[in-house]
Amino acid sequence: MQEIERELITRAGQRDMGAFRDIYQRASGYVYTLAYRVVNTKQDAEEVTQDVFLKLYHSLGSFKFEASFKTWLYRIAVNTALNHAKKRSRVTTREVEEIFEDPATVTQPEGGKRLEAGETEDQLKGLLDQLNPDQRACIVLREIEGLDYQGIARSLGININTVRSRLKRARETLMALGQKEVASHGM
């Protein structure tokens, strides 16, 4: 995500639509990518992105510049995506579009680790689908976005020990899935 100047944030917080539009143009890909990594569908990621920018529009005037804008936006985006994923996980049927969509069309974050397109992306999506939304968010923030434990805790608004616990459980789940995969291929 491009750095956003303090003056632009202040103007947008004062309901300057041009300034808000500039922030949207600079940050929407970043928010979409974060959302996609948590909710795993294009449609849901688009909905989360829209919700994040609505929240941002209504709360930007109260931004205190105590944390970086990127950290604040990160927290809003991840929490919105987590809430959406939890709500969505209560639904028992999945839409056909979700099953057949192409994750290779997702914009990659500038600062995050780059993933190989195609098969690796499909495998990652399949593995992340096996985690609960809280664990998925922690793994995405740590392994894909490259945040440290403290950054994850700040972004999600949780205790650092909770981050450690969720990452441990997520890794254990992923390891178990990996062992099942190896066993099913007769290796």
C-alpha atoms as a PDB file:
ATOM      1  CA  MET A   1       0.000   0.000   0.000  1.00  0.00           C
ATOM      2  CA  GLN A   2       1.255   3.455  -0.831  1.00  0.00           C
ATOM      3  CA  GLU A   3       2.059   5.741   2.086  1.00  0.00           C
ATOM      4  CA  ILE A   4      -0.837   8.107   2.740  1.00  0.00           C
ATOM      5  CA  GLU A   5       0.006  11.611   3.856  1.00  0.00           C
ATOM      6  CA  ARG A   6      -1.325  12.983   7.134  1.00  0.00           C
ATOM      7  CA  GLU A   7      -2.811  16.023   5.384  1.00  0.00           C
ATOM      8  CA  LEU A   8      -4.810  13.785   3.013  1.00  0.00           C
ATOM      9  CA  ILE A   9      -6.146  11.737   5.946  1.00  0.00           C
ATOM     10  CA  THR A  10      -7.133  14.925   7.781  1.00  0.00           C
ATOM     11  CA  ARG A  11      -8.955  16.295   4.727  1.00  0.00           C
ATOM     12  CA  ALA A  12     -10.777  12.999   4.195  1.00  0.00           C
ATOM     13  CA  GLY A  13     -11.744  12.999   7.890  1.00  0.00           C
ATOM     14  CA  GLN A  14     -13.350  16.398   7.271  1.00  0.00           C
ATOM     15  CA  ARG A  15     -15.546  14.770   4.564  1.00  0.00           C
ATOM     16  CA  ASP A  16     -13.480  15.979   1.580  1.00  0.00           C
ATOM     17  CA  MET A  17     -14.684  13.438  -1.016  1.00  0.00           C
ATOM     18  CA  GLY A  18     -11.696  14.039  -3.295  1.00  0.00           C
ATOM     19  CA  ALA A  19      -9.315  13.199  -0.475  1.00  0.00           C
ATOM     20  CA  PHE A  20     -11.358  10.150   0.499  1.00  0.00           C
ATOM     21  CA  ARG A  21     -11.370   8.998  -3.137  1.00  0.00           C
ATOM     22  CA  ASP A  22      -7.551   9.293  -3.200  1.00  0.00           C
ATOM     23  CA  ILE A  23      -7.287   7.159  -0.074  1.00  0.00           C
ATOM     24  CA  TYR A  24      -9.657   4.615  -1.590  1.00  0.00           C
ATOM     25  CA  GLN A  25      -7.614   4.438  -4.796  1.00  0.00           C
ATOM     26  CA  ARG A  26      -4.375   3.947  -2.866  1.00  0.00           C
ATOM     27  CA  ALA A  27      -5.661   1.468  -0.293  1.00  0.00           C
ATOM     28  CA  SER A  28      -8.522  -0.509  -1.847  1.00  0.00           C
ATOM     29  CA  GLY A  29      -6.284  -3.172  -3.427  1.00  0.00           C
ATOM     30  CA  TYR A  30      -4.520  -3.655  -0.124  1.00  0.00           C
ATOM     31  CA  VAL A  31      -7.820  -4.000   1.775  1.00  0.00           C
ATOM     32  CA  TYR A  32      -9.240  -6.337  -0.867  1.00  0.00           C
ATOM     33  CA  THR A  33      -6.192  -8.607  -0.674  1.00  0.00           C
ATOM     34  CA  LEU A  34      -6.373  -8.779   3.116  1.00  0.00           C
ATOM     35  CA  ALA A  35     -10.085  -9.524   2.958  1.00  0.00           C
ATOM     36  CA  TYR A  36      -9.619 -12.175   0.295  1.00  0.00           C
ATOM     37  CA  ARG A  37      -7.009 -13.952   2.373  1.00  0.00           C
ATOM     38  CA  VAL A  38      -9.466 -14.202   5.267  1.00  0.00           C
ATOM     39  CA  VAL A  39     -12.769 -14.885   3.484  1.00  0.00           C
ATOM     40  CA  ASN A  40     -11.352 -16.771   0.449  1.00  0.00           C
ATOM     41  CA  THR A  41     -13.941 -15.671  -2.120  1.00  0.00           C
ATOM     42  CA  LYS A  42     -13.990 -12.764  -4.537  1.00  0.00           C
ATOM     43  CA  GLN A  43     -17.591 -11.845  -3.793  1.00  0.00           C
ATOM     44  CA  ASP A  44     -17.066 -11.816  -0.025  1.00  0.00           C
ATOM     45  CA  ALA A  45     -13.775  -9.918  -0.355  1.00  0.00           C
ATOM     46  CA  GLU A  46     -15.515  -7.247  -2.432  1.00  0.00           C
ATOM     47  CA  GLU A  47     -18.284  -6.985   0.157  1.00  0.00           C
ATOM     48  CA  VAL A  48     -15.782  -6.747   3.016  1.00  0.00           C
ATOM     49  CA  THR A  49     -13.792  -4.091   1.127  1.00  0.00           C
ATOM     50  CA  GLN A  50     -16.932  -2.034   0.680  1.00  0.00           C
ATOM     51  CA  ASP A  51     -17.800  -2.426   4.377  1.00  0.00           C
ATOM     52  CA  VAL A  52     -14.281  -1.399   5.409  1.00  0.00           C
ATOM     53  CA  PHE A  53     -14.421   1.808   3.400  1.00  0.00           C
ATOM     54  CA  LEU A  54     -17.870   2.646   4.767  1.00  0.00           C
ATOM     55  CA  LYS A  55     -16.496   2.213   8.282  1.00  0.00           C
ATOM     56  CA  LEU A  56     -13.441   4.222   7.346  1.00  0.00           C
ATOM     57  CA  TYR A  57     -15.550   7.054   5.949  1.00  0.00           C
ATOM     58  CA  HIS A  58     -17.578   7.291   9.148  1.00  0.00           C
ATOM     59  CA  SER A  59     -14.651   6.992  11.550  1.00  0.00           C
ATOM     60  CA  LEU A  60     -11.805   8.774   9.748  1.00  0.00           C
ATOM     61  CA  GLY A  61     -12.547  12.035  11.542  1.00  0.00           C
ATOM     62  CA  SER A  62     -11.709  10.346  14.850  1.00  0.00           C
ATOM     63  CA  PHE A  63      -8.326   8.981  13.715  1.00  0.00           C
ATOM     64  CA  LYS A  64      -5.784  10.257  16.269  1.00  0.00           C
ATOM     65  CA  PHE A  65      -2.490   9.484  14.451  1.00  0.00           C
ATOM     66  CA  GLU A  66      -1.328   7.539  17.535  1.00  0.00           C
ATOM     67  CA  ALA A  67      -0.685   4.494  15.360  1.00  0.00           C
ATOM     68  CA  SER A  68       0.165   4.435  11.689  1.00  0.00           C
ATOM     69  CA  PHE A  69      -2.743   4.766   9.307  1.00  0.00           C
ATOM     70  CA  LYS A  70      -1.765   1.455   7.709  1.00  0.00           C
ATOM     71  CA  THR A  71      -1.965  -0.358  11.068  1.00  0.00           C
ATOM     72  CA  TRP A  72      -5.325   1.229  11.836  1.00  0.00           C
ATOM     73  CA  LEU A  73      -6.708   0.330   8.397  1.00  0.00           C
ATOM     74  CA  TYR A  74      -5.261  -3.174   8.734  1.00  0.00           C
ATOM     75  CA  ARG A  75      -7.110  -3.686  11.981  1.00  0.00           C
ATOM     76  CA  ILE A  76     -10.412  -2.457  10.550  1.00  0.00           C
ATOM     77  CA  ALA A  77      -9.994  -4.649   7.444  1.00  0.00           C
ATOM     78  CA  VAL A  78      -9.017  -7.828   9.257  1.00  0.00           C
ATOM     79  CA  ASN A  79     -11.680  -7.474  11.945  1.00  0.00           C
ATOM     80  CA  THR A  80     -14.353  -6.768   9.326  1.00  0.00           C
ATOM     81  CA  ALA A  81     -13.208  -9.780   7.296  1.00  0.00           C
ATOM     82  CA  LEU A  82     -13.139 -12.001  10.391  1.00  0.00           C
ATOM     83  CA  ASN A  83     -16.650 -10.962  11.380  1.00  0.00           C
ATOM     84  CA  HIS A  84     -17.847 -11.579   7.844  1.00  0.00           C
ATOM     85  CA  ALA A  85     -16.152 -15.011   7.732  1.00  0.00           C
ATOM     86  CA  LYS A  86     -17.669 -16.021  11.063  1.00  0.00           C
ATOM     87  CA  LYS A  87     -21.111 -14.952   9.898  1.00  0.00           C
ATOM     88  CA  ARG A  88     -20.598 -16.717   6.594  1.00  0.00           C
ATOM     89  CA  SER A  89     -19.374 -19.935   8.242  1.00  0.00           C
ATOM     90  CA  ARG A  90     -22.802 -20.299   9.832  1.00  0.00           C
ATOM     91  CA  VAL A  91     -24.243 -20.728   6.363  1.00  0.00           C
ATOM     92  CA  THR A  92     -24.193 -24.412   5.445  1.00  0.00           C
ATOM     93  CA  THR A  93     -24.255 -24.199   1.646  1.00  0.00           C
ATOM     94  CA  ARG A  94     -21.575 -22.696  -0.536  1.00  0.00           C
ATOM     95  CA  GLU A  95     -22.232 -20.880  -3.795  1.00  0.00           C
ATOM     96  CA  VAL A  96     -21.043 -22.504  -7.000  1.00  0.00           C
ATOM     97  CA  GLU A  97     -18.997 -19.393  -7.862  1.00  0.00           C
ATOM     98  CA  GLU A  98     -16.923 -19.828  -4.719  1.00  0.00           C
ATOM     99  CA  ILE A  99     -15.885 -23.314  -5.738  1.00  0.00           C
ATOM    100  CA  PHE A 100     -14.802 -22.449  -9.270  1.00  0.00           C
ATOM    101  CA  GLU A 101     -13.319 -18.962  -8.957  1.00  0.00           C
ATOM    102  CA  ASP A 102      -9.727 -18.254 -10.033  1.00  0.00           C
ATOM    103  CA  PRO A 103      -7.602 -16.993  -7.102  1.00  0.00           C
ATOM    104  CA  ALA A 104      -4.760 -16.094  -9.499  1.00  0.00           C
ATOM    105  CA  THR A 105      -6.633 -12.890 -10.371  1.00  0.00           C
ATOM    106  CA  VAL A 106      -6.251 -11.551  -6.816  1.00  0.00           C
ATOM    107  CA  THR A 107      -3.912  -8.561  -6.531  1.00  0.00           C
ATOM    108  CA  GLN A 108      -0.839  -9.442  -4.487  1.00  0.00           C
ATOM    109  CA  PRO A 109       0.081  -7.109  -1.608  1.00  0.00           C
ATOM    110  CA  GLU A 110       3.175  -4.999  -2.208  1.00  0.00           C
ATOM    111  CA  GLY A 111       4.824  -5.770   1.141  1.00  0.00           C
ATOM    112  CA  GLY A 112       3.683  -9.356   1.529  1.00  0.00           C
ATOM    113  CA  LYS A 113       5.464 -12.504   0.499  1.00  0.00           C
ATOM    114  CA  ARG A 114       4.764 -13.393  -3.108  1.00  0.00           C
ATOM    115  CA  LEU A 115       3.011 -16.644  -3.818  1.00  0.00           C
ATOM    116  CA  GLU A 116       3.442 -18.695  -6.936  1.00  0.00           C
ATOM    117  CA  ALA A 117       0.384 -18.560  -9.163  1.00  0.00           C
ATOM    118  CA  GLY A 118      -1.719 -21.536 -10.090  1.00  0.00           C
ATOM    119  CA  GLU A 119      -1.376 -24.756  -8.184  1.00  0.00           C
ATOM    120  CA  THR A 120       0.360 -23.294  -5.117  1.00  0.00           C
ATOM    121  CA  GLU A 121      -2.380 -20.665  -4.776  1.00  0.00           C
ATOM    122  CA  ASP A 122      -5.076 -23.366  -5.031  1.00  0.00           C
ATOM    123  CA  GLN A 123      -3.310 -25.519  -2.431  1.00  0.00           C
ATOM    124  CA  LEU A 124      -2.942 -22.561  -0.077  1.00  0.00           C
ATOM    125  CA  LYS A 125      -6.619 -21.655  -0.456  1.00  0.00           C
ATOM    126  CA  GLY A 126      -7.602 -25.247   0.280  1.00  0.00           C
ATOM    127  CA  LEU A 127      -5.463 -25.375   3.401  1.00  0.00           C
ATOM    128  CA  LEU A 128      -6.648 -21.999   4.682  1.00  0.00           C
ATOM    129  CA  ASP A 129     -10.257 -23.131   4.193  1.00  0.00           C
ATOM    130  CA  GLN A 130      -9.591 -25.846   6.787  1.00  0.00           C
ATOM    131  CA  LEU A 131      -8.780 -23.303   9.519  1.00  0.00           C
ATOM    132  CA  ASN A 132     -11.308 -21.399  11.587  1.00  0.00           C
ATOM    133  CA  PRO A 133     -11.455 -17.659  10.739  1.00  0.00           C
ATOM    134  CA  ASP A 134      -9.449 -16.571  13.808  1.00  0.00           C
ATOM    135  CA  GLN A 135      -6.620 -18.995  13.059  1.00  0.00           C
ATOM    136  CA  ARG A 136      -6.738 -18.148   9.347  1.00  0.00           C
ATOM    137  CA  ALA A 137      -6.359 -14.439  10.082  1.00  0.00           C
ATOM    138  CA  CYS A 138      -3.324 -15.037  12.288  1.00  0.00           C
ATOM    139  CA  ILE A 139      -1.644 -17.314   9.733  1.00  0.00           C
ATOM    140  CA  VAL A 140      -2.332 -14.871   6.885  1.00  0.00           C
ATOM    141  CA  LEU A 141      -0.975 -11.929   8.856  1.00  0.00           C
ATOM    142  CA  ARG A 142       2.138 -13.863   9.935  1.00  0.00           C
ATOM    143  CA  GLU A 143       3.071 -16.018   6.961  1.00  0.00           C
ATOM    144  CA  ILE A 144       1.700 -14.057   4.008  1.00  0.00           C
ATOM    145  CA  GLU A 145       1.763 -10.463   5.199  1.00  0.00           C
ATOM    146  CA  GLY A 146       4.924 -10.927   7.287  1.00  0.00           C
ATOM    147  CA  LEU A 147       3.743  -9.226  10.495  1.00  0.00           C
ATOM    148  CA  ASP A 148       5.444 -10.059  13.777  1.00  0.00           C
ATOM    149  CA  TYR A 149       3.434 -11.337  16.763  1.00  0.00           C
ATOM    150  CA  GLN A 150       3.089  -7.855  18.253  1.00  0.00           C
ATOM    151  CA  GLY A 151       1.853  -6.477  14.923  1.00  0.00           C
ATOM    152  CA  ILE A 152      -0.719  -9.250  14.666  1.00  0.00           C
ATOM    153  CA  ALA A 153      -1.892  -8.579  18.222  1.00  0.00           C
ATOM    154  CA  ARG A 154      -2.294  -4.854  17.458  1.00  0.00           C
ATOM    155  CA  SER A 155      -4.021  -5.503  14.144  1.00  0.00           C
ATOM    156  CA  LEU A 156      -6.547  -7.902  15.630  1.00  0.00           C
ATOM    157  CA  GLY A 157      -6.879  -6.166  18.985  1.00  0.00           C
ATOM    158  CA  ILE A 158      -5.996  -9.314  20.901  1.00  0.00           C
ATOM    159  CA  ASN A 159      -3.395 -10.358  23.474  1.00  0.00           C
ATOM    160  CA  ILE A 160      -0.012 -11.541  22.136  1.00  0.00           C
ATOM    161  CA  ASN A 161      -0.485 -14.871  23.948  1.00  0.00           C
ATOM    162  CA  THR A 162      -3.730 -15.346  22.047  1.00  0.00           C
ATOM    163  CA  VAL A 163      -1.779 -14.772  18.825  1.00  0.00           C
ATOM    164  CA  ARG A 164       0.748 -17.430  19.856  1.00  0.00           C
ATOM    165  CA  SER A 165      -2.013 -19.867  20.749  1.00  0.00           C
ATOM    166  CA  ARG A 166      -3.928 -19.346  17.498  1.00  0.00           C
ATOM    167  CA  LEU A 167      -0.776 -19.665  15.400  1.00  0.00           C
ATOM    168  CA  LYS A 168       0.219 -22.846  17.252  1.00  0.00           C
ATOM    169  CA  ARG A 169      -3.204 -24.423  16.700  1.00  0.00           C
ATOM    170  CA  ALA A 170      -3.280 -23.306  13.067  1.00  0.00           C
ATOM    171  CA  ARG A 171       0.170 -24.781  12.418  1.00  0.00           C
ATOM    172  CA  GLU A 172      -0.787 -28.027  14.138  1.00  0.00           C
ATOM    173  CA  THR A 173      -3.901 -28.251  11.959  1.00  0.00           C
ATOM    174  CA  LEU A 174      -1.899 -27.519   8.811  1.00  0.00           C
ATOM    175  CA  MET A 175       0.734 -30.109   9.775  1.00  0.00           C
ATOM    176  CA  ALA A 176      -1.949 -32.734  10.347  1.00  0.00           C
ATOM    177  CA  LEU A 177      -3.490 -31.919   6.977  1.00  0.00           C
ATOM    178  CA  GLY A 178      -0.059 -32.193   5.363  1.00  0.00           C
ATOM    179  CA  GLN A 179       0.492 -35.617   6.910  1.00  0.00           C
ATOM    180  CA  LYS A 180      -2.905 -36.781   5.659  1.00  0.00           C
ATOM    181  CA  GLU A 181      -2.010 -35.511   2.170  1.00  0.00           C
ATOM    182  CA  VAL A 182       1.288 -37.434   2.181  1.00  0.00           C
ATOM    183  CA  ALA A 183      -0.445 -40.584   3.483  1.00  0.00           C
ATOM    184  CA  SER A 184      -3.154 -40.387   0.822  1.00  0.00           C
ATOM    185  CA  HIS A 185      -0.500 -40.264  -1.906  1.00  0.00           C
ATOM    186  CA  GLY A 186       1.263 -43.356  -0.528  1.00  0.00           C
ATOM    187  CA  MET A 187       4.492 -41.598   0.396  1.00  0.00           C
END
